[in-house]
Structure formats: structure tokens, C-alpha cells
Amino acid sequence: MRLIFLAASAFGALSVAILVVMTAAAVVARYILGMPIAWTEEVSGLLMIWIVMVGAIACEANRQHLTIDLIEGVLSPRLNRALSAVVGLASIGLLIFMSWQAWALGQTTAFKKTQILGVSWFWLDLAVVVGAAGTAVVMAWRLIRPDAEARSDAAADRLEH
């Protein structure tokens, strides 16, 4: 999980850095030089979608998604594990469906191109496929091998101290 988190975080950090530099350049070009850069809006939109979807994988790999533990405090540990498994399986099912629908949408919109760069809309939809499928894989791995994550967390803690 740690490697997935680091890879997704690195991708996100690099993408955000590119987005910030590009936006700053676009502002300078438009308001100081009087020569707007037309393609920056399209690239910004593409990057934002990829940042959010790959960020979802990083959040899941590091257990940083928002959760509401309304009833966990009153359930026994066994019921908590069962509830966690049910929620995990439902989430995986939803993510797989979302990924499948995004792939189908990407196939039908692949011929459409963005106005300025002429990039296929498929690349926008692919971000959703990657994010949803990647998050589902991380969740499935955690359901299948919960003990492996606990061991790797304990090993990481020993290395830090």
C-alpha cells in the first residue's frame, strides 16, 4: 500500500506543480503581456480530473477517505469487521461499475476532440477508469489481506523509530 500511496502522491504533486506553474504563466501572459495562452484552460481541466482520480487511489491506500463512524462505537469487534466487509464489497462493486461506465463513455466519445488542443475526450474518461479501478483494487487488497497491511505498517513504524 505504501508504494501505491507514494506513486499516486508523486503523480499528484507533479501534476499540481505543473498546474500552478502553467496557471501563473497564463496569468502573466494574459494580464501583463496582453497575449493570452489559449490552451491552458483545456490542460488545466485535464490535469484536475487526473489529480482528483489518482488522488482517490492515494487516499484509499493511506486510509484517508472521509468515513462516518456513527455506529462503529456501539458494535462488537466482530460486527465491525462484518460491517466493514459489507461496506467494502459494496464500494468495490460501485467503483467497478463506475469504471466500466467511464470506459464505455470513453469508447463512445473517443472521436470527440477538445476545441483548442484537439485531444480526444477519451483521456478525460480514462482518468475516471483509472481512479475508480485503482481505488477498487486497493480496497479489494485490503479486504483480502488485512493482515499484510498491519504487518507493513508495523514494519514502517519500526523503521521510523
N, C-alpha and C. Protein backbone atom coordinates (compact mmCIF):
# COMPACT_ATOMS: atom_id res chain seq x y z
N MET A 1 0.81 -1.19 0.00
CA MET A 1 0.00 0.00 0.00
C MET A 1 0.87 1.26 0.00
N ARG A 2 1.97 1.16 0.70
CA ARG A 2 2.84 2.33 0.82
C ARG A 2 3.37 2.77 -0.55
N LEU A 3 3.75 1.79 -1.38
CA LEU A 3 4.27 2.10 -2.71
C LEU A 3 3.19 2.73 -3.59
N ILE A 4 1.97 2.21 -3.50
CA ILE A 4 0.86 2.78 -4.27
C ILE A 4 0.61 4.22 -3.82
N PHE A 5 0.62 4.43 -2.50
CA PHE A 5 0.41 5.77 -1.97
C PHE A 5 1.50 6.73 -2.46
N LEU A 6 2.74 6.28 -2.40
CA LEU A 6 3.85 7.15 -2.82
C LEU A 6 3.79 7.45 -4.32
N ALA A 7 3.49 6.45 -5.14
CA ALA A 7 3.40 6.67 -6.59
C ALA A 7 2.26 7.62 -6.93
N ALA A 8 1.10 7.39 -6.35
CA ALA A 8 -0.05 8.26 -6.63
C ALA A 8 0.19 9.67 -6.09
N SER A 9 0.82 9.77 -4.94
CA SER A 9 1.12 11.09 -4.37
C SER A 9 2.14 11.83 -5.22
N ALA A 10 3.15 11.12 -5.72
CA ALA A 10 4.15 11.75 -6.57
C ALA A 10 3.52 12.26 -7.86
N PHE A 11 2.65 11.45 -8.45
CA PHE A 11 1.94 11.87 -9.66
C PHE A 11 1.11 13.13 -9.37
N GLY A 12 0.39 13.10 -8.24
CA GLY A 12 -0.43 14.25 -7.87
C GLY A 12 0.39 15.50 -7.61
N ALA A 13 1.50 15.35 -6.91
CA ALA A 13 2.35 16.51 -6.61
C ALA A 13 2.93 17.11 -7.88
N LEU A 14 3.40 16.26 -8.77
CA LEU A 14 3.94 16.74 -10.05
C LEU A 14 2.86 17.43 -10.87
N SER A 15 1.68 16.84 -10.91
CA SER A 15 0.57 17.43 -11.67
C SER A 15 0.15 18.77 -11.10
N VAL A 16 0.08 18.88 -9.77
CA VAL A 16 -0.29 20.15 -9.14
C VAL A 16 0.77 21.20 -9.42
N ALA A 17 2.04 20.80 -9.36
CA ALA A 17 3.12 21.75 -9.65
C ALA A 17 3.02 22.27 -11.09
N ILE A 18 2.77 21.37 -12.03
CA ILE A 18 2.60 21.77 -13.43
C ILE A 18 1.40 22.72 -13.56
N LEU A 19 0.32 22.40 -12.89
CA LEU A 19 -0.88 23.21 -12.93
C LEU A 19 -0.62 24.62 -12.38
N VAL A 20 0.09 24.72 -11.28
CA VAL A 20 0.38 26.02 -10.67
C VAL A 20 1.27 26.85 -11.59
N VAL A 21 2.34 26.25 -12.11
CA VAL A 21 3.26 26.98 -12.98
C VAL A 21 2.54 27.42 -14.25
N MET A 22 1.76 26.51 -14.82
CA MET A 22 1.04 26.82 -16.05
C MET A 22 0.03 27.95 -15.82
N THR A 23 -0.69 27.90 -14.70
CA THR A 23 -1.67 28.94 -14.41
C THR A 23 -0.99 30.28 -14.18
N ALA A 24 0.13 30.28 -13.46
CA ALA A 24 0.87 31.52 -13.25
C ALA A 24 1.36 32.09 -14.58
N ALA A 25 1.86 31.23 -15.45
CA ALA A 25 2.31 31.69 -16.76
C ALA A 25 1.16 32.26 -17.57
N ALA A 26 0.00 31.62 -17.48
CA ALA A 26 -1.18 32.10 -18.22
C ALA A 26 -1.62 33.47 -17.71
N VAL A 27 -1.57 33.68 -16.40
CA VAL A 27 -1.95 34.97 -15.83
C VAL A 27 -0.98 36.05 -16.28
N VAL A 28 0.32 35.76 -16.21
CA VAL A 28 1.33 36.74 -16.64
C VAL A 28 1.15 37.05 -18.13
N ALA A 29 0.97 36.00 -18.93
CA ALA A 29 0.81 36.21 -20.37
C ALA A 29 -0.43 37.04 -20.69
N ARG A 30 -1.52 36.79 -19.99
CA ARG A 30 -2.77 37.50 -20.29
C ARG A 30 -2.75 38.93 -19.77
N TYR A 31 -2.43 39.10 -18.50
CA TYR A 31 -2.61 40.41 -17.88
C TYR A 31 -1.38 41.33 -17.94
N ILE A 32 -0.22 40.76 -18.09
CA ILE A 32 0.98 41.61 -18.16
C ILE A 32 1.45 41.78 -19.60
N LEU A 33 1.50 40.66 -20.33
CA LEU A 33 1.98 40.73 -21.71
C LEU A 33 0.87 40.99 -22.72
N GLY A 34 -0.37 40.81 -22.29
CA GLY A 34 -1.50 41.03 -23.20
C GLY A 34 -1.62 39.98 -24.29
N MET A 35 -1.04 38.80 -24.06
CA MET A 35 -1.09 37.70 -25.04
C MET A 35 -1.56 36.42 -24.33
N PRO A 36 -2.87 36.19 -24.26
CA PRO A 36 -3.36 35.01 -23.55
C PRO A 36 -2.89 33.71 -24.20
N ILE A 37 -2.70 32.70 -23.36
CA ILE A 37 -2.33 31.36 -23.83
C ILE A 37 -3.62 30.54 -23.83
N ALA A 38 -4.13 30.25 -24.99
CA ALA A 38 -5.46 29.65 -25.11
C ALA A 38 -5.54 28.23 -24.57
N TRP A 39 -4.51 27.45 -24.71
CA TRP A 39 -4.59 26.03 -24.38
C TRP A 39 -4.53 25.73 -22.88
N THR A 40 -4.19 26.72 -22.05
CA THR A 40 -4.02 26.43 -20.62
C THR A 40 -5.32 26.02 -19.94
N GLU A 41 -6.45 26.53 -20.41
CA GLU A 41 -7.72 26.15 -19.79
C GLU A 41 -8.03 24.67 -20.02
N GLU A 42 -7.79 24.19 -21.23
CA GLU A 42 -8.04 22.78 -21.51
C GLU A 42 -7.09 21.87 -20.74
N VAL A 43 -5.82 22.23 -20.70
CA VAL A 43 -4.85 21.41 -19.96
C VAL A 43 -5.18 21.42 -18.47
N SER A 44 -5.61 22.57 -17.95
CA SER A 44 -5.99 22.65 -16.53
C SER A 44 -7.14 21.69 -16.23
N GLY A 45 -8.14 21.66 -17.08
CA GLY A 45 -9.27 20.75 -16.88
C GLY A 45 -8.84 19.30 -16.90
N LEU A 46 -8.00 18.94 -17.86
CA LEU A 46 -7.50 17.57 -17.94
C LEU A 46 -6.71 17.21 -16.67
N LEU A 47 -5.82 18.10 -16.28
CA LEU A 47 -5.00 17.82 -15.10
C LEU A 47 -5.84 17.70 -13.84
N MET A 48 -6.83 18.54 -13.68
CA MET A 48 -7.66 18.49 -12.48
C MET A 48 -8.38 17.16 -12.34
N ILE A 49 -8.91 16.66 -13.45
CA ILE A 49 -9.60 15.37 -13.40
C ILE A 49 -8.64 14.26 -13.01
N TRP A 50 -7.46 14.25 -13.61
CA TRP A 50 -6.46 13.23 -13.29
C TRP A 50 -5.98 13.37 -11.84
N ILE A 51 -5.80 14.59 -11.37
CA ILE A 51 -5.36 14.80 -9.98
C ILE A 51 -6.38 14.23 -9.00
N VAL A 52 -7.64 14.51 -9.24
CA VAL A 52 -8.70 14.04 -8.34
C VAL A 52 -8.79 12.51 -8.36
N MET A 53 -8.76 11.92 -9.54
CA MET A 53 -8.95 10.47 -9.63
C MET A 53 -7.74 9.68 -9.12
N VAL A 54 -6.55 10.12 -9.44
CA VAL A 54 -5.37 9.44 -8.89
C VAL A 54 -5.24 9.74 -7.40
N GLY A 55 -5.66 10.93 -7.00
CA GLY A 55 -5.67 11.26 -5.57
C GLY A 55 -6.60 10.35 -4.78
N ALA A 56 -7.68 9.90 -5.40
CA ALA A 56 -8.60 8.97 -4.73
C ALA A 56 -7.89 7.66 -4.41
N ILE A 57 -7.04 7.21 -5.32
CA ILE A 57 -6.27 5.98 -5.08
C ILE A 57 -5.32 6.21 -3.90
N ALA A 58 -4.63 7.35 -3.90
CA ALA A 58 -3.69 7.65 -2.81
C ALA A 58 -4.42 7.73 -1.47
N CYS A 59 -5.58 8.37 -1.47
CA CYS A 59 -6.36 8.48 -0.22
C CYS A 59 -6.76 7.11 0.30
N GLU A 60 -7.21 6.25 -0.59
CA GLU A 60 -7.62 4.91 -0.16
C GLU A 60 -6.43 4.09 0.31
N ALA A 61 -5.31 4.21 -0.38
CA ALA A 61 -4.12 3.44 0.00
C ALA A 61 -3.61 3.86 1.37
N ASN A 62 -3.84 5.10 1.75
CA ASN A 62 -3.37 5.61 3.04
C ASN A 62 -4.51 5.77 4.05
N ARG A 63 -5.66 5.21 3.74
CA ARG A 63 -6.85 5.27 4.61
C ARG A 63 -7.19 6.71 5.02
N GLN A 64 -7.25 7.58 4.02
CA GLN A 64 -7.54 8.99 4.30
C GLN A 64 -8.89 9.44 3.77
N HIS A 65 -9.69 8.51 3.26
CA HIS A 65 -11.02 8.91 2.81
C HIS A 65 -11.91 9.21 4.02
N LEU A 66 -12.82 10.12 3.82
CA LEU A 66 -13.75 10.51 4.87
C LEU A 66 -14.65 9.33 5.21
N THR A 67 -14.77 9.04 6.48
CA THR A 67 -15.68 7.99 6.94
C THR A 67 -16.54 8.55 8.06
N ILE A 68 -17.70 7.98 8.21
CA ILE A 68 -18.60 8.38 9.29
C ILE A 68 -18.79 7.14 10.16
N ASP A 69 -18.23 7.18 11.35
CA ASP A 69 -18.28 6.02 12.24
C ASP A 69 -19.41 6.17 13.26
N LEU A 70 -20.59 6.36 12.73
CA LEU A 70 -21.76 6.60 13.56
C LEU A 70 -22.10 5.40 14.44
N ILE A 71 -22.02 4.19 13.90
CA ILE A 71 -22.43 3.02 14.70
C ILE A 71 -21.27 2.10 15.07
N GLU A 72 -20.07 2.41 14.62
CA GLU A 72 -18.94 1.53 14.94
C GLU A 72 -18.67 1.45 16.44
N GLY A 73 -18.91 2.53 17.15
CA GLY A 73 -18.64 2.56 18.58
C GLY A 73 -19.55 1.66 19.41
N VAL A 74 -20.72 1.34 18.89
CA VAL A 74 -21.66 0.51 19.65
C VAL A 74 -21.66 -0.94 19.21
N LEU A 75 -20.94 -1.26 18.15
CA LEU A 75 -20.90 -2.64 17.66
C LEU A 75 -19.71 -3.39 18.25
N SER A 76 -19.86 -4.69 18.32
CA SER A 76 -18.74 -5.52 18.78
C SER A 76 -17.67 -5.55 17.69
N PRO A 77 -16.44 -5.93 18.02
CA PRO A 77 -15.39 -6.02 17.00
C PRO A 77 -15.76 -6.94 15.83
N ARG A 78 -16.45 -8.03 16.14
CA ARG A 78 -16.86 -8.97 15.08
C ARG A 78 -17.86 -8.31 14.14
N LEU A 79 -18.84 -7.60 14.68
CA LEU A 79 -19.83 -6.91 13.85
C LEU A 79 -19.18 -5.76 13.08
N ASN A 80 -18.20 -5.09 13.69
CA ASN A 80 -17.46 -4.04 12.99
C ASN A 80 -16.74 -4.60 11.77
N ARG A 81 -16.11 -5.75 11.92
CA ARG A 81 -15.42 -6.39 10.78
C ARG A 81 -16.42 -6.77 9.70
N ALA A 82 -17.58 -7.29 10.10
CA ALA A 82 -18.61 -7.67 9.13
C ALA A 82 -19.14 -6.43 8.40
N LEU A 83 -19.41 -5.38 9.15
CA LEU A 83 -19.88 -4.13 8.55
C LEU A 83 -18.84 -3.56 7.59
N SER A 84 -17.60 -3.61 8.00
CA SER A 84 -16.51 -3.12 7.15
C SER A 84 -16.42 -3.92 5.85
N ALA A 85 -16.61 -5.24 5.95
CA ALA A 85 -16.57 -6.09 4.76
C ALA A 85 -17.74 -5.78 3.82
N VAL A 86 -18.92 -5.60 4.38
CA VAL A 86 -20.10 -5.29 3.57
C VAL A 86 -19.93 -3.94 2.87
N VAL A 87 -19.49 -2.94 3.61
CA VAL A 87 -19.27 -1.61 3.03
C VAL A 87 -18.18 -1.67 1.98
N GLY A 88 -17.11 -2.40 2.25
CA GLY A 88 -16.02 -2.55 1.29
C GLY A 88 -16.48 -3.22 0.01
N LEU A 89 -17.23 -4.30 0.14
CA LEU A 89 -17.72 -5.01 -1.06
C LEU A 89 -18.68 -4.13 -1.86
N ALA A 90 -19.56 -3.41 -1.17
CA ALA A 90 -20.48 -2.51 -1.87
C ALA A 90 -19.70 -1.41 -2.58
N SER A 91 -18.70 -0.88 -1.92
CA SER A 91 -17.88 0.17 -2.53
C SER A 91 -17.12 -0.35 -3.74
N ILE A 92 -16.56 -1.54 -3.63
CA ILE A 92 -15.84 -2.13 -4.76
C ILE A 92 -16.79 -2.33 -5.93
N GLY A 93 -17.99 -2.83 -5.65
CA GLY A 93 -18.97 -3.01 -6.72
C GLY A 93 -19.32 -1.70 -7.40
N LEU A 94 -19.53 -0.67 -6.62
CA LEU A 94 -19.85 0.65 -7.18
C LEU A 94 -18.67 1.19 -8.00
N LEU A 95 -17.46 1.03 -7.50
CA LEU A 95 -16.28 1.52 -8.22
C LEU A 95 -16.05 0.76 -9.53
N ILE A 96 -16.28 -0.54 -9.52
CA ILE A 96 -16.14 -1.32 -10.74
C ILE A 96 -17.19 -0.88 -11.76
N PHE A 97 -18.43 -0.68 -11.30
CA PHE A 97 -19.48 -0.20 -12.19
C PHE A 97 -19.13 1.18 -12.75
N MET A 98 -18.62 2.04 -11.90
CA MET A 98 -18.22 3.39 -12.32
C MET A 98 -17.11 3.32 -13.37
N SER A 99 -16.14 2.46 -13.14
CA SER A 99 -15.03 2.30 -14.08
C SER A 99 -15.53 1.76 -15.42
N TRP A 100 -16.41 0.79 -15.36
CA TRP A 100 -16.97 0.19 -16.58
C TRP A 100 -17.76 1.23 -17.38
N GLN A 101 -18.57 2.02 -16.67
CA GLN A 101 -19.35 3.05 -17.35
C GLN A 101 -18.46 4.14 -17.94
N ALA A 102 -17.40 4.50 -17.23
CA ALA A 102 -16.46 5.51 -17.76
C ALA A 102 -15.74 4.96 -18.99
N TRP A 103 -15.40 3.68 -18.99
CA TRP A 103 -14.75 3.08 -20.16
C TRP A 103 -15.71 3.10 -21.35
N ALA A 104 -16.97 2.73 -21.11
CA ALA A 104 -17.97 2.74 -22.19
C ALA A 104 -18.16 4.16 -22.72
N LEU A 105 -18.21 5.13 -21.82
CA LEU A 105 -18.35 6.52 -22.24
C LEU A 105 -17.12 6.95 -23.05
N GLY A 106 -15.95 6.55 -22.59
CA GLY A 106 -14.71 6.88 -23.31
C GLY A 106 -14.70 6.31 -24.72
N GLN A 107 -15.24 5.11 -24.87
CA GLN A 107 -15.30 4.49 -26.20
C GLN A 107 -16.24 5.25 -27.13
N THR A 108 -17.33 5.75 -26.58
CA THR A 108 -18.30 6.45 -27.43
C THR A 108 -17.90 7.90 -27.71
N THR A 109 -17.05 8.47 -26.86
CA THR A 109 -16.66 9.87 -27.06
C THR A 109 -15.22 10.00 -27.57
N ALA A 110 -14.59 8.90 -27.91
CA ALA A 110 -13.18 8.95 -28.34
C ALA A 110 -13.00 9.79 -29.59
N PHE A 111 -14.04 9.85 -30.42
CA PHE A 111 -13.93 10.64 -31.66
C PHE A 111 -14.05 12.14 -31.41
N LYS A 112 -14.64 12.52 -30.28
CA LYS A 112 -14.78 13.95 -29.95
C LYS A 112 -13.42 14.50 -29.54
N LYS A 113 -13.13 15.69 -29.98
CA LYS A 113 -11.85 16.33 -29.66
C LYS A 113 -12.10 17.64 -28.93
N THR A 114 -11.17 18.01 -28.07
CA THR A 114 -11.28 19.32 -27.41
C THR A 114 -11.07 20.40 -28.46
N GLN A 115 -11.62 21.57 -28.21
CA GLN A 115 -11.63 22.62 -29.23
C GLN A 115 -10.26 23.16 -29.58
N ILE A 116 -9.40 23.37 -28.62
CA ILE A 116 -8.14 24.04 -28.90
C ILE A 116 -7.01 23.05 -29.19
N LEU A 117 -6.82 22.07 -28.32
CA LEU A 117 -5.71 21.13 -28.49
C LEU A 117 -6.04 19.96 -29.40
N GLY A 118 -7.32 19.68 -29.57
CA GLY A 118 -7.70 18.54 -30.39
C GLY A 118 -7.43 17.20 -29.71
N VAL A 119 -7.42 17.19 -28.37
CA VAL A 119 -7.20 15.96 -27.61
C VAL A 119 -8.52 15.21 -27.50
N SER A 120 -8.46 13.90 -27.66
CA SER A 120 -9.65 13.08 -27.56
C SER A 120 -10.25 13.14 -26.16
N TRP A 121 -11.56 13.18 -26.09
CA TRP A 121 -12.26 13.17 -24.81
C TRP A 121 -12.04 11.86 -24.07
N PHE A 122 -11.56 10.87 -24.77
CA PHE A 122 -11.27 9.57 -24.15
C PHE A 122 -10.32 9.74 -22.96
N TRP A 123 -9.35 10.68 -23.05
CA TRP A 123 -8.35 10.86 -22.00
C TRP A 123 -8.97 11.42 -20.72
N LEU A 124 -10.06 12.16 -20.84
CA LEU A 124 -10.77 12.60 -19.64
C LEU A 124 -11.47 11.42 -18.97
N ASP A 125 -12.14 10.61 -19.79
CA ASP A 125 -12.86 9.46 -19.25
C ASP A 125 -11.90 8.41 -18.70
N LEU A 126 -10.73 8.29 -19.29
CA LEU A 126 -9.75 7.32 -18.82
C LEU A 126 -9.31 7.62 -17.39
N ALA A 127 -9.27 8.88 -17.02
CA ALA A 127 -8.92 9.24 -15.63
C ALA A 127 -9.91 8.62 -14.65
N VAL A 128 -11.18 8.62 -15.00
CA VAL A 128 -12.20 8.03 -14.12
C VAL A 128 -12.03 6.52 -14.07
N VAL A 129 -11.72 5.91 -15.21
CA VAL A 129 -11.48 4.46 -15.24
C VAL A 129 -10.31 4.11 -14.32
N VAL A 130 -9.21 4.82 -14.47
CA VAL A 130 -8.01 4.54 -13.68
C VAL A 130 -8.28 4.78 -12.19
N GLY A 131 -8.89 5.91 -11.86
CA GLY A 131 -9.16 6.23 -10.46
C GLY A 131 -10.10 5.25 -9.79
N ALA A 132 -11.20 4.95 -10.45
CA ALA A 132 -12.18 4.03 -9.85
C ALA A 132 -11.64 2.62 -9.76
N ALA A 133 -11.01 2.14 -10.83
CA ALA A 133 -10.46 0.78 -10.81
C ALA A 133 -9.31 0.67 -9.82
N GLY A 134 -8.45 1.68 -9.78
CA GLY A 134 -7.33 1.66 -8.84
C GLY A 134 -7.79 1.67 -7.40
N THR A 135 -8.80 2.46 -7.10
CA THR A 135 -9.34 2.51 -5.74
C THR A 135 -9.99 1.17 -5.39
N ALA A 136 -10.69 0.56 -6.34
CA ALA A 136 -11.31 -0.75 -6.11
C ALA A 136 -10.25 -1.82 -5.83
N VAL A 137 -9.14 -1.77 -6.56
CA VAL A 137 -8.07 -2.75 -6.34
C VAL A 137 -7.48 -2.59 -4.94
N VAL A 138 -7.24 -1.35 -4.52
CA VAL A 138 -6.70 -1.12 -3.18
C VAL A 138 -7.67 -1.63 -2.12
N MET A 139 -8.96 -1.34 -2.30
CA MET A 139 -9.96 -1.80 -1.33
C MET A 139 -10.05 -3.32 -1.31
N ALA A 140 -10.00 -3.94 -2.48
CA ALA A 140 -10.07 -5.40 -2.55
C ALA A 140 -8.85 -6.03 -1.87
N TRP A 141 -7.67 -5.46 -2.13
CA TRP A 141 -6.46 -5.97 -1.50
C TRP A 141 -6.58 -5.89 0.03
N ARG A 142 -7.13 -4.80 0.51
CA ARG A 142 -7.28 -4.62 1.96
C ARG A 142 -8.28 -5.63 2.52
N LEU A 143 -9.33 -5.96 1.77
CA LEU A 143 -10.30 -6.95 2.25
C LEU A 143 -9.71 -8.36 2.23
N ILE A 144 -8.92 -8.65 1.20
CA ILE A 144 -8.35 -9.99 1.06
C ILE A 144 -7.20 -10.21 2.03
N ARG A 145 -6.35 -9.20 2.19
CA ARG A 145 -5.14 -9.33 3.00
C ARG A 145 -5.05 -8.26 4.09
N PRO A 146 -5.97 -8.22 5.03
CA PRO A 146 -5.90 -7.18 6.06
C PRO A 146 -4.67 -7.33 6.95
N ASP A 147 -4.19 -8.55 7.12
CA ASP A 147 -3.02 -8.78 7.96
C ASP A 147 -1.73 -8.27 7.32
N ALA A 148 -1.65 -8.29 5.98
CA ALA A 148 -0.45 -7.82 5.29
C ALA A 148 -0.26 -6.33 5.51
N GLU A 149 -1.34 -5.58 5.51
CA GLU A 149 -1.25 -4.14 5.73
C GLU A 149 -0.80 -3.85 7.16
N ALA A 150 -1.32 -4.59 8.11
CA ALA A 150 -0.94 -4.38 9.51
C ALA A 150 0.55 -4.67 9.70
N ARG A 151 1.06 -5.73 9.05
CA ARG A 151 2.48 -6.06 9.16
C ARG A 151 3.35 -4.99 8.52
N SER A 152 2.95 -4.49 7.34
CA SER A 152 3.76 -3.46 6.68
C SER A 152 3.72 -2.15 7.45
N ASP A 153 2.59 -1.83 8.09
CA ASP A 153 2.52 -0.62 8.92
C ASP A 153 3.42 -0.76 10.14
N ALA A 154 3.44 -1.94 10.75
CA ALA A 154 4.29 -2.16 11.92
C ALA A 154 5.77 -2.08 11.52
N ALA A 155 6.12 -2.62 10.36
CA ALA A 155 7.50 -2.55 9.90
C ALA A 155 7.90 -1.11 9.61
N ALA A 156 7.01 -0.34 9.02
CA ALA A 156 7.30 1.07 8.74
C ALA A 156 7.47 1.85 10.03
N ASP A 157 6.66 1.54 11.04
CA ASP A 157 6.79 2.22 12.32
C ASP A 157 8.13 1.92 12.98
N ARG A 158 8.58 0.65 12.86
CA ARG A 158 9.88 0.29 13.44
C ARG A 158 11.01 1.03 12.75
N LEU A 159 10.91 1.22 11.43
CA LEU A 159 11.94 1.93 10.70
C LEU A 159 12.00 3.41 11.06
N GLU A 160 10.85 3.98 11.37
CA GLU A 160 10.79 5.41 11.70
C GLU A 160 11.36 5.69 13.09
N HIS A 161 11.33 4.70 13.98
CA HIS A 161 11.79 4.95 15.36
C HIS A 161 13.19 4.51 15.55
